[in-house]
N, C-alpha and C. Protein backbone atom coordinates (compact mmCIF):
# COMPACT_ATOMS: atom_id res chain seq x y z
N UNK A 1 -35.31 0.30 -15.44
CA UNK A 1 -35.04 -1.24 -15.47
C UNK A 1 -33.92 -1.37 -14.16
N UNK A 2 -34.52 -1.93 -13.40
CA UNK A 2 -33.88 -2.64 -12.51
C UNK A 2 -33.00 -3.32 -12.21
N UNK A 3 -31.99 -3.26 -11.39
CA UNK A 3 -30.44 -3.50 -10.91
C UNK A 3 -29.96 -4.93 -11.18
N UNK A 4 -31.27 -5.28 -11.31
CA UNK A 4 -31.15 -7.45 -11.04
C UNK A 4 -31.43 -7.52 -12.65
N UNK A 5 -33.10 -7.56 -13.71
CA UNK A 5 -32.48 -7.01 -14.33
C UNK A 5 -31.50 -6.71 -15.49
N UNK A 6 -30.17 -4.65 -15.27
CA UNK A 6 -30.08 -4.85 -16.05
C UNK A 6 -28.99 -5.73 -16.20
N UNK A 7 -28.01 -6.41 -15.07
CA UNK A 7 -27.57 -7.31 -14.54
C UNK A 7 -27.68 -8.97 -16.41
N UNK A 8 -29.24 -9.41 -15.81
CA UNK A 8 -29.51 -10.07 -16.68
C UNK A 8 -29.13 -9.75 -18.30
N UNK A 9 -29.39 -8.40 -18.89
CA UNK A 9 -29.43 -7.70 -20.28
C UNK A 9 -28.00 -8.71 -20.17
N UNK A 10 -26.98 -7.70 -20.20
CA UNK A 10 -26.02 -7.52 -20.25
C UNK A 10 -25.51 -9.55 -19.80
N UNK A 11 -26.08 -9.95 -18.66
CA UNK A 11 -25.33 -11.37 -19.06
C UNK A 11 -25.50 -12.06 -21.04
N UNK A 12 -26.59 -11.37 -20.96
CA UNK A 12 -27.48 -12.34 -22.34
C UNK A 12 -27.02 -11.94 -23.40
N UNK A 13 -26.88 -10.35 -22.76
CA UNK A 13 -25.95 -10.04 -23.69
C UNK A 13 -24.07 -10.80 -24.66
N UNK A 14 -23.38 -10.79 -23.19
CA UNK A 14 -22.74 -11.68 -23.39
C UNK A 14 -22.24 -12.60 -24.07
N UNK A 15 -23.72 -13.41 -23.48
CA UNK A 15 -22.95 -14.71 -24.13
C UNK A 15 -23.92 -14.57 -25.97
N UNK A 16 -24.18 -13.71 -26.77
CA UNK A 16 -24.51 -13.66 -27.74
C UNK A 16 -23.38 -13.28 -28.41
N UNK A 17 -22.70 -12.35 -27.82
CA UNK A 17 -21.31 -12.43 -27.90
C UNK A 17 -20.74 -12.83 -28.54
N UNK A 18 -19.97 -12.79 -27.67
CA UNK A 18 -19.33 -15.34 -27.74
C UNK A 18 -19.45 -16.07 -28.06
N UNK A 19 -21.19 -16.43 -28.36
CA UNK A 19 -21.88 -17.19 -29.53
C UNK A 19 -21.31 -16.70 -30.70
N UNK A 20 -21.97 -15.53 -31.38
CA UNK A 20 -21.31 -15.27 -32.74
C UNK A 20 -19.25 -15.67 -32.71
N UNK A 21 -18.90 -14.96 -31.17
CA UNK A 21 -17.68 -15.09 -32.08
C UNK A 21 -17.01 -16.57 -31.82
N UNK A 22 -18.13 -17.79 -31.29
CA UNK A 22 -17.50 -18.88 -31.37
C UNK A 22 -17.21 -19.45 -33.43
N UNK A 23 -18.24 -18.45 -34.10
CA UNK A 23 -18.44 -18.83 -35.09
C UNK A 23 -17.11 -18.56 -35.87
N UNK A 24 -17.03 -16.60 -35.62
CA UNK A 24 -15.74 -15.95 -36.16
C UNK A 24 -14.85 -16.55 -36.58
N UNK A 25 -14.06 -17.37 -34.86
CA UNK A 25 -12.91 -18.28 -34.51
C UNK A 25 -13.21 -19.39 -35.61
N UNK A 26 -14.27 -19.70 -35.75
CA UNK A 26 -13.76 -21.78 -35.85
C UNK A 26 -13.04 -21.53 -37.32
N UNK A 27 -12.32 -22.93 -37.47
CA UNK A 27 -11.28 -23.37 -38.01
C UNK A 27 -11.63 -22.98 -39.93
N UNK A 28 -11.15 -23.47 -40.90
CA UNK A 28 -10.83 -22.87 -41.81
C UNK A 28 -11.43 -23.97 -42.64
N UNK A 29 -12.79 -24.08 -43.42
CA UNK A 29 -12.43 -25.57 -44.50
C UNK A 29 -12.41 -25.67 -45.08
N UNK A 30 -11.93 -26.99 -44.60
CA UNK A 30 -10.23 -28.10 -45.52
C UNK A 30 -10.64 -28.02 -46.84
N UNK A 31 -11.24 -27.65 -46.99
CA UNK A 31 -11.67 -27.60 -48.85
C UNK A 31 -10.84 -26.66 -48.85
N UNK A 32 -11.14 -26.06 -48.41
CA UNK A 32 -10.80 -24.14 -48.44
C UNK A 32 -9.30 -23.93 -48.56
N UNK A 33 -8.46 -24.49 -47.41
CA UNK A 33 -7.21 -25.02 -47.39
C UNK A 33 -6.78 -25.13 -48.34
N UNK A 34 -7.22 -27.13 -49.02
CA UNK A 34 -6.67 -26.84 -49.71
C UNK A 34 -6.69 -26.82 -51.26
N UNK A 35 -7.83 -26.30 -51.87
CA UNK A 35 -7.84 -25.81 -52.67
C UNK A 35 -6.09 -24.25 -52.64
N UNK A 36 -6.27 -23.86 -51.47
CA UNK A 36 -5.42 -22.48 -51.33
C UNK A 36 -3.88 -22.73 -51.40
N UNK A 37 -4.05 -24.01 -51.21
CA UNK A 37 -2.59 -25.01 -50.50
C UNK A 37 -2.22 -24.93 -52.06
N UNK A 38 -3.24 -25.36 -52.81
CA UNK A 38 -3.19 -25.91 -53.88
C UNK A 38 -2.50 -24.95 -55.71
N UNK A 39 -2.32 -23.33 -55.43
CA UNK A 39 -2.07 -22.56 -56.18
C UNK A 39 0.06 -21.77 -56.23
N UNK A 40 0.46 -22.42 -55.60
CA UNK A 40 1.22 -23.26 -54.91
C UNK A 40 1.70 -22.57 -53.43
N UNK A 41 0.71 -23.24 -52.31
CA UNK A 41 1.25 -22.20 -51.32
C UNK A 41 1.69 -22.51 -49.58
N UNK A 42 1.97 -22.41 -48.74
CA UNK A 42 2.39 -23.60 -48.28
C UNK A 42 1.25 -23.66 -47.12
N UNK A 43 0.43 -24.64 -46.76
CA UNK A 43 -0.11 -25.19 -46.04
C UNK A 43 -0.53 -24.47 -45.27
N UNK A 44 0.21 -23.98 -44.56
CA UNK A 44 0.54 -23.07 -42.53
C UNK A 44 -0.03 -21.87 -43.31
N UNK A 45 0.73 -20.95 -44.06
CA UNK A 45 -0.10 -19.82 -44.60
C UNK A 45 -1.54 -19.88 -45.23
N UNK A 46 -1.94 -21.25 -46.18
CA UNK A 46 -2.73 -20.62 -46.42
C UNK A 46 -4.89 -21.14 -44.73
N UNK A 47 -3.85 -21.69 -43.99
CA UNK A 47 -4.66 -21.65 -42.79
C UNK A 47 -4.28 -20.67 -41.94
N UNK A 48 -3.51 -19.96 -42.44
CA UNK A 48 -3.38 -18.29 -40.72
C UNK A 48 -4.76 -17.60 -41.72
N UNK A 49 -4.20 -17.65 -42.93
CA UNK A 49 -4.86 -16.79 -44.10
C UNK A 49 -6.55 -16.71 -44.12
N UNK A 50 -6.89 -17.77 -44.53
CA UNK A 50 -7.68 -18.14 -43.69
C UNK A 50 -8.43 -17.76 -43.11
N UNK A 51 -8.03 -18.44 -41.78
CA UNK A 51 -8.61 -17.38 -40.56
C UNK A 51 -8.69 -16.16 -39.79
N UNK A 52 -7.70 -15.41 -40.99
CA UNK A 52 -7.59 -13.62 -40.49
C UNK A 52 -8.37 -13.75 -41.45
N UNK A 53 -9.12 -13.96 -42.57
CA UNK A 53 -10.75 -13.77 -43.84
C UNK A 53 -11.37 -13.58 -42.70
N UNK A 54 -11.59 -15.65 -42.04
CA UNK A 54 -13.25 -15.36 -41.85
C UNK A 54 -12.42 -14.77 -39.64
N UNK A 55 -11.50 -13.72 -39.92
CA UNK A 55 -11.79 -13.14 -38.25
C UNK A 55 -12.13 -11.40 -39.34
N UNK A 56 -11.38 -10.69 -40.63
CA UNK A 56 -11.92 -10.39 -40.70
C UNK A 56 -12.98 -9.43 -41.15
N UNK A 57 -13.62 -10.94 -42.25
CA UNK A 57 -15.54 -10.61 -41.99
C UNK A 57 -16.24 -10.71 -41.28
N UNK A 58 -15.83 -11.81 -40.41
CA UNK A 58 -16.65 -11.59 -39.36
C UNK A 58 -17.14 -10.76 -38.47
N UNK A 59 -15.83 -9.58 -37.89
CA UNK A 59 -16.06 -8.35 -37.51
C UNK A 59 -16.66 -6.88 -38.96
N UNK A 60 -15.96 -6.86 -40.36
CA UNK A 60 -17.26 -6.18 -40.93
C UNK A 60 -19.06 -6.67 -40.48
N UNK A 61 -19.04 -7.91 -41.18
CA UNK A 61 -20.38 -8.56 -40.35
C UNK A 61 -20.79 -7.68 -39.58
N UNK A 62 -19.90 -7.79 -38.79
CA UNK A 62 -20.42 -7.31 -37.07
C UNK A 62 -21.06 -6.03 -36.33
N UNK A 63 -20.21 -5.26 -37.63
CA UNK A 63 -19.96 -3.48 -37.96
C UNK A 63 -21.60 -4.19 -38.74
N UNK A 64 -20.91 -4.23 -39.83
CA UNK A 64 -22.36 -3.72 -41.42
C UNK A 64 -24.03 -4.42 -40.87
N UNK A 65 -23.72 -5.44 -40.48
CA UNK A 65 -25.24 -6.03 -40.49
C UNK A 65 -25.85 -6.17 -39.06
N UNK A 66 -25.11 -5.23 -37.23
CA UNK A 66 -25.91 -5.83 -36.55
C UNK A 66 -27.32 -4.68 -36.31
N UNK A 67 -27.37 -5.29 -35.69
CA UNK A 67 -28.82 -5.01 -34.98
C UNK A 67 -28.74 -3.05 -34.75
N UNK A 68 -27.48 -3.15 -33.61
CA UNK A 68 -26.90 -1.90 -33.35
C UNK A 68 -25.71 -1.72 -33.36
N UNK A 69 -24.95 -0.78 -32.86
CA UNK A 69 -23.91 -0.47 -33.09
C UNK A 69 -22.59 -0.96 -31.85
N UNK A 70 -22.99 -1.20 -31.41
CA UNK A 70 -22.26 -1.45 -29.91
C UNK A 70 -21.67 -3.29 -30.35
N UNK A 71 -22.31 -4.15 -31.01
CA UNK A 71 -22.35 -5.54 -31.51
C UNK A 71 -20.62 -5.63 -31.66
N UNK A 72 -20.23 -4.35 -32.26
CA UNK A 72 -19.07 -4.49 -33.48
C UNK A 72 -17.40 -4.01 -33.02
N UNK A 73 -17.93 -3.63 -31.54
CA UNK A 73 -17.26 -3.35 -29.94
C UNK A 73 -16.31 -4.24 -29.26
N UNK A 74 -18.39 -4.78 -29.47
CA UNK A 74 -18.01 -5.82 -28.17
C UNK A 74 -17.09 -7.57 -28.74
N UNK A 75 -17.31 -7.02 -30.20
CA UNK A 75 -17.28 -8.57 -30.65
C UNK A 75 -15.61 -8.65 -30.86
N UNK A 76 -15.40 -7.01 -31.36
CA UNK A 76 -13.72 -6.89 -31.09
C UNK A 76 -12.90 -7.38 -29.63
N UNK A 77 -14.11 -6.72 -29.31
CA UNK A 77 -13.40 -6.35 -27.59
C UNK A 77 -13.42 -7.89 -26.98
N UNK A 78 -14.91 -9.32 -27.83
CA UNK A 78 -13.60 -9.72 -26.99
C UNK A 78 -12.53 -10.26 -27.77
N UNK A 79 -12.80 -10.34 -28.61
CA UNK A 79 -11.46 -11.17 -30.28
C UNK A 79 -9.46 -10.46 -29.61
N UNK A 80 -10.40 -9.72 -28.98
CA UNK A 80 -8.56 -8.57 -28.55
C UNK A 80 -8.05 -10.41 -27.63
N UNK A 81 -8.61 -10.38 -27.03
CA UNK A 81 -7.50 -11.91 -26.35
C UNK A 81 -7.09 -12.17 -26.55
N UNK A 82 -8.02 -13.21 -27.73
CA UNK A 82 -7.68 -14.32 -28.28
C UNK A 82 -6.60 -13.60 -29.35
N UNK A 83 -6.25 -12.61 -29.75
CA UNK A 83 -5.37 -12.23 -29.84
C UNK A 83 -3.86 -12.07 -29.31
N UNK A 84 -3.69 -11.67 -28.31
CA UNK A 84 -3.27 -11.00 -27.75
C UNK A 84 -1.98 -12.73 -27.25
N UNK A 85 -2.89 -13.51 -26.26
CA UNK A 85 -2.68 -15.22 -26.56
C UNK A 85 -1.85 -15.25 -27.83
N UNK A 86 -2.12 -15.32 -28.92
CA UNK A 86 -2.06 -15.63 -30.68
C UNK A 86 -0.80 -15.08 -29.81
N UNK A 87 -0.47 -13.58 -29.73
CA UNK A 87 0.56 -12.81 -29.63
C UNK A 87 1.77 -13.41 -28.70
N UNK A 88 1.72 -13.84 -28.01
CA UNK A 88 2.28 -14.53 -26.65
C UNK A 88 2.66 -15.66 -26.77
N UNK A 89 2.72 -16.42 -27.85
CA UNK A 89 2.80 -17.91 -28.73
C UNK A 89 3.58 -17.81 -29.12
N UNK A 90 3.29 -16.65 -30.18
CA UNK A 90 3.93 -16.35 -31.91
C UNK A 90 4.08 -14.43 -31.93
N UNK A 91 5.02 -13.88 -31.02
CA UNK A 91 5.53 -13.05 -31.46
C UNK A 91 4.79 -11.94 -32.75
N UNK A 92 4.91 -12.89 -33.80
CA UNK A 92 4.77 -12.46 -35.06
C UNK A 92 3.48 -12.45 -35.54
N UNK A 93 2.86 -12.97 -34.58
CA UNK A 93 2.21 -13.42 -34.55
C UNK A 93 0.93 -12.01 -35.20
N UNK A 94 0.68 -11.09 -33.64
CA UNK A 94 -0.65 -10.06 -33.50
C UNK A 94 -0.10 -8.56 -34.39
N UNK A 95 1.83 -8.80 -35.14
CA UNK A 95 1.96 -8.31 -36.30
C UNK A 95 1.20 -8.30 -37.35
N UNK A 96 1.18 -9.71 -37.77
CA UNK A 96 0.74 -9.82 -39.41
C UNK A 96 -0.78 -9.59 -38.98
N UNK A 97 -0.86 -10.02 -38.11
CA UNK A 97 -2.23 -9.72 -37.83
C UNK A 97 -3.16 -8.54 -37.95
N UNK A 98 -2.55 -7.71 -37.45
CA UNK A 98 -2.54 -6.28 -37.97
C UNK A 98 -3.34 -6.28 -38.77
N UNK A 99 -1.10 -6.56 -39.42
CA UNK A 99 -1.51 -5.79 -40.79
C UNK A 99 -2.41 -5.99 -41.40
N UNK A 100 -3.41 -7.46 -41.32
CA UNK A 100 -3.73 -8.18 -43.03
C UNK A 100 -4.97 -7.34 -42.24
N UNK A 101 -5.12 -7.32 -41.28
CA UNK A 101 -6.81 -6.44 -40.63
C UNK A 101 -7.12 -4.81 -41.10
N UNK A 102 -5.74 -4.44 -41.29
CA UNK A 102 -5.33 -2.69 -42.13
C UNK A 102 -5.63 -3.66 -43.58
N UNK A 103 -5.42 -4.39 -43.85
CA UNK A 103 -5.29 -4.61 -45.87
C UNK A 103 -6.61 -4.64 -46.22
N UNK A 104 -7.67 -5.54 -45.30
CA UNK A 104 -8.97 -5.83 -45.78
C UNK A 104 -9.67 -5.04 -45.06
N UNK A 105 -8.74 -3.78 -44.23
CA UNK A 105 -10.15 -2.54 -43.98
C UNK A 105 -10.18 -1.59 -45.11
N UNK A 106 -9.31 -1.57 -45.45
CA UNK A 106 -8.94 -0.76 -46.62
C UNK A 106 -9.10 -1.21 -47.93
N UNK A 107 -8.95 -1.99 -48.06
CA UNK A 107 -9.92 -2.66 -49.10
C UNK A 107 -11.38 -2.63 -49.94
N UNK A 108 -12.28 -2.34 -48.39
CA UNK A 108 -13.29 -3.20 -48.04
C UNK A 108 -13.67 -0.84 -48.25
N UNK A 109 -12.73 -0.12 -47.42
CA UNK A 109 -12.80 1.51 -47.26
C UNK A 109 -13.29 1.70 -49.16
N UNK A 110 -11.99 1.53 -50.57
CA UNK A 110 -12.00 1.60 -51.67
C UNK A 110 -13.31 2.76 -52.21
N UNK A 111 -13.55 3.56 -51.85
CA UNK A 111 -14.61 3.95 -53.18
C UNK A 111 -14.04 4.02 -54.78
N UNK A 112 -15.90 3.80 -55.47
CA UNK A 112 -15.50 4.51 -56.94
C UNK A 112 -15.25 3.19 -57.89
N UNK A 113 -14.71 1.72 -57.21
CA UNK A 113 -13.96 1.22 -57.72
C UNK A 113 -14.87 0.52 -58.54
N UNK A 114 -14.69 -0.68 -59.67
CA UNK A 114 -15.98 -1.15 -60.85
C UNK A 114 -15.85 -2.54 -59.96
N UNK A 115 -15.14 -2.82 -58.71
CA UNK A 115 -14.90 -4.14 -58.04
C UNK A 115 -15.74 -4.54 -57.05
N UNK A 116 -16.63 -5.28 -57.49
CA UNK A 116 -17.92 -5.40 -56.06
C UNK A 116 -16.95 -5.38 -54.06
N UNK A 117 -17.13 -5.31 -53.36
CA UNK A 117 -16.57 -5.34 -52.32
C UNK A 117 -15.83 -6.93 -52.46
N UNK A 118 -16.59 -8.43 -52.17
CA UNK A 118 -16.15 -9.04 -51.91
C UNK A 118 -14.83 -9.76 -52.68
N UNK A 119 -14.83 -9.13 -53.41
CA UNK A 119 -13.78 -9.65 -54.84
C UNK A 119 -12.71 -9.02 -54.40
N UNK A 120 -12.74 -7.40 -54.21
CA UNK A 120 -11.67 -6.74 -53.18
C UNK A 120 -11.36 -6.95 -51.86
N UNK A 121 -12.17 -7.70 -51.28
CA UNK A 121 -11.49 -8.54 -50.41
C UNK A 121 -11.12 -9.45 -50.23
N UNK A 122 -11.50 -10.61 -52.04
CA UNK A 122 -10.05 -11.54 -52.47
C UNK A 122 -8.79 -11.07 -52.76
N UNK A 123 -8.32 -10.39 -53.40
CA UNK A 123 -7.28 -9.97 -53.84
C UNK A 123 -6.51 -9.73 -52.72
N UNK A 124 -7.44 -9.75 -50.86
CA UNK A 124 -6.38 -9.31 -50.25
C UNK A 124 -6.45 -10.82 -49.70
N UNK A 125 -7.72 -11.27 -48.74
CA UNK A 125 -6.51 -12.85 -48.66
C UNK A 125 -5.40 -14.18 -49.96
N UNK A 126 -5.50 -13.21 -51.22
CA UNK A 126 -4.77 -13.88 -51.99
C UNK A 126 -2.95 -13.19 -52.28
N UNK A 127 -2.96 -11.63 -51.07
CA UNK A 127 -2.11 -11.04 -51.40
C UNK A 127 -2.12 -11.63 -50.23
N UNK A 128 -2.11 -12.30 -49.81
CA UNK A 128 -1.96 -12.37 -47.54
C UNK A 128 -1.00 -13.92 -47.69
N UNK A 129 -1.06 -14.80 -48.70
CA UNK A 129 -0.07 -15.96 -49.36
C UNK A 129 0.00 -15.85 -50.18
N UNK A 130 0.56 -14.98 -50.97
CA UNK A 130 1.58 -14.44 -51.67
C UNK A 130 1.25 -14.61 -53.28
N UNK A 131 0.06 -14.84 -53.51
CA UNK A 131 -0.46 -14.72 -55.22
C UNK A 131 -0.75 -12.53 -55.24
N UNK A 132 0.13 -12.12 -55.69
CA UNK A 132 -0.65 -10.74 -56.15
C UNK A 132 -0.75 -10.41 -57.20
N UNK A 133 -0.91 -11.95 -58.91
CA UNK A 133 -2.10 -11.46 -59.86
C UNK A 133 -2.38 -12.34 -59.83
N UNK A 134 -3.71 -13.39 -59.32
CA UNK A 134 -4.72 -14.22 -59.29
C UNK A 134 -5.29 -13.96 -60.95
N UNK A 135 -5.36 -14.69 -61.58
CA UNK A 135 -5.96 -15.96 -63.21
C UNK A 135 -7.36 -14.62 -62.15
N UNK A 136 -8.27 -14.60 -63.41
CA UNK A 136 -9.58 -14.46 -63.26
C UNK A 136 -10.92 -16.03 -62.45
N UNK A 137 -10.38 -17.09 -62.67
CA UNK A 137 -11.09 -18.33 -62.28
C UNK A 137 -10.29 -18.20 -60.82
N UNK A 138 -8.77 -17.67 -60.50
CA UNK A 138 -8.60 -18.26 -59.30
C UNK A 138 -9.79 -17.04 -58.28
N UNK A 139 -9.37 -15.91 -58.41
CA UNK A 139 -9.99 -14.36 -57.90
C UNK A 139 -11.56 -15.34 -58.10
N UNK A 140 -12.02 -15.41 -59.41
CA UNK A 140 -13.05 -15.85 -58.40
C UNK A 140 -13.59 -16.90 -57.60
N UNK A 141 -13.05 -18.08 -57.27
CA UNK A 141 -13.03 -19.06 -55.75
C UNK A 141 -12.45 -18.22 -54.80
N UNK A 142 -11.30 -17.03 -54.89
CA UNK A 142 -12.00 -16.85 -53.96
C UNK A 142 -12.61 -16.05 -53.37
N UNK A 143 -13.37 -15.17 -54.28
CA UNK A 143 -14.36 -13.85 -53.86
C UNK A 143 -15.40 -15.09 -53.25
N UNK A 144 -15.96 -16.43 -53.66
CA UNK A 144 -16.65 -17.20 -53.73
C UNK A 144 -16.73 -17.49 -51.86
N UNK A 145 -15.20 -17.86 -51.86
CA UNK A 145 -13.86 -18.09 -49.82
C UNK A 145 -15.41 -17.46 -49.72
N UNK A 146 -15.17 -16.13 -50.49
CA UNK A 146 -15.40 -14.75 -49.17
C UNK A 146 -17.40 -14.49 -48.53
N UNK A 147 -17.88 -14.60 -49.97
CA UNK A 147 -19.47 -14.48 -50.16
C UNK A 147 -19.51 -15.63 -48.96
N UNK A 148 -19.60 -17.11 -48.67
CA UNK A 148 -19.19 -18.35 -48.46
C UNK A 148 -19.58 -17.50 -46.64
N UNK A 149 -17.61 -17.37 -46.39
CA UNK A 149 -17.71 -16.28 -44.48
C UNK A 149 -18.47 -15.50 -44.57
N UNK A 150 -18.91 -14.55 -45.30
CA UNK A 150 -20.37 -13.55 -44.99
C UNK A 150 -21.51 -13.42 -44.80
N UNK A 151 -21.53 -15.26 -45.44
CA UNK A 151 -23.52 -15.70 -45.50
C UNK A 151 -23.33 -16.18 -44.06
N UNK A 152 -21.44 -17.21 -44.26
CA UNK A 152 -21.45 -18.11 -42.48
C UNK A 152 -22.18 -17.52 -41.49
N UNK A 153 -21.26 -16.72 -41.45
CA UNK A 153 -21.32 -14.36 -39.95
C UNK A 153 -22.57 -13.89 -40.66
N UNK A 154 -23.42 -14.34 -41.39
CA UNK A 154 -24.70 -13.34 -41.03
C UNK A 154 -26.08 -14.09 -40.08
N UNK A 155 -25.47 -15.60 -40.92
CA UNK A 155 -26.33 -16.44 -40.67
C UNK A 155 -25.84 -16.56 -38.32
N UNK A 156 -24.65 -16.49 -38.27
CA UNK A 156 -24.56 -16.94 -36.98
C UNK A 156 -24.83 -15.71 -36.32
N UNK A 157 -24.30 -14.24 -37.35
CA UNK A 157 -24.67 -13.75 -36.05
C UNK A 157 -26.65 -12.44 -35.88
N UNK A 158 -27.30 -13.58 -36.35
CA UNK A 158 -28.41 -13.71 -36.33
C UNK A 158 -28.59 -14.15 -35.34
N UNK A 159 -28.45 -15.53 -36.17
CA UNK A 159 -28.50 -16.66 -34.53
C UNK A 159 -28.72 -16.28 -33.13
N UNK A 160 -27.37 -15.30 -33.17
CA UNK A 160 -26.85 -14.80 -32.23
C UNK A 160 -27.81 -14.02 -31.71
N UNK A 161 -28.13 -13.28 -32.41
CA UNK A 161 -28.76 -11.98 -31.58
C UNK A 161 -30.22 -11.02 -32.39
N UNK A 162 -30.79 -12.86 -33.15
CA UNK A 162 -32.41 -12.48 -33.18
C UNK A 162 -32.08 -12.16 -34.77
N UNK A 163 -33.05 -11.28 -35.18
CA UNK A 163 -33.75 -10.83 -36.80
C UNK A 163 -33.95 -9.71 -36.20
N UNK A 164 -34.13 -8.37 -36.87
CA UNK A 164 -35.06 -7.14 -36.52
C UNK A 164 -36.64 -7.38 -36.89
N UNK A 165 -36.88 -6.78 -36.51
CA UNK A 165 -38.50 -7.22 -36.20
C UNK A 165 -39.58 -5.93 -35.96
N UNK A 166 -39.50 -5.33 -36.80
CA UNK A 166 -39.89 -4.02 -36.95
C UNK A 166 -42.11 -3.82 -37.85
N UNK A 167 -42.72 -2.56 -37.40
CA UNK A 167 -43.96 -2.98 -37.33
C UNK A 167 -44.21 -3.05 -38.57
N UNK A 168 -44.49 -3.42 -39.41
CA UNK A 168 -45.48 -3.62 -40.52
C UNK A 168 -46.11 -2.26 -41.40
N UNK A 169 -46.32 -1.26 -40.09
CA UNK A 169 -47.42 -0.01 -40.14
C UNK A 169 -46.57 1.44 -40.39
N UNK A 170 -45.54 1.16 -39.27
CA UNK A 170 -44.83 2.11 -39.22
C UNK A 170 -43.92 2.12 -39.85
N UNK A 171 -42.83 3.55 -40.52
CA UNK A 171 -42.23 2.69 -41.55
C UNK A 171 -40.48 3.67 -39.90
N UNK A 172 -39.38 2.67 -40.49
CA UNK A 172 -38.16 2.33 -39.88
C UNK A 172 -37.52 3.93 -39.41
N UNK A 173 -37.80 5.16 -40.02
CA UNK A 173 -37.32 6.14 -39.59
C UNK A 173 -38.60 7.10 -38.69
N UNK A 174 -39.68 6.54 -38.26
CA UNK A 174 -40.57 7.24 -37.29
C UNK A 174 -40.09 6.39 -36.29
N UNK A 175 -39.49 4.92 -36.16
CA UNK A 175 -40.11 4.52 -34.85
C UNK A 175 -38.44 5.50 -33.83
N UNK A 176 -39.11 5.39 -32.96
CA UNK A 176 -38.15 5.88 -31.05
C UNK A 176 -37.83 4.91 -30.49
N UNK A 177 -36.70 5.30 -30.36
CA UNK A 177 -36.07 4.12 -29.28
C UNK A 177 -36.05 4.50 -27.95
């Protein structure tokens, strides 16, 4: 591949990553904020935790569902300046995001749990706003929010990067790149 073609491919890739990140950084749905704030929680804390949950799910989707291994790193690389800007505006923000991201990844890494991953992530979401022992109904609603984020971000990932296209007559294990 020549220099010009490599540059075009890299530019298109950056655009795809930016398109996906735009969806990751979308503001939380007002209905979700209202529901979370009704627990009763400070609406600002509800908004913040829903933002962090969407970012965490966005990074997880990019890591697990992308067509290649570079996508998650590229999304994280573009997310870093956003977090740095927020940290400059509010020094507490960067620390809180780091703690929340660690909590989401730790919950996802748990093995041998009967609880599905979405419910574990929902517990992290609720814990982030101070609900450490949610009722089954509250946990169910929070799990629905996590699943909605995952479905929307998975669709955004496909829209930005395309669907996997494999030949029907060749098994994936036989493909050579």
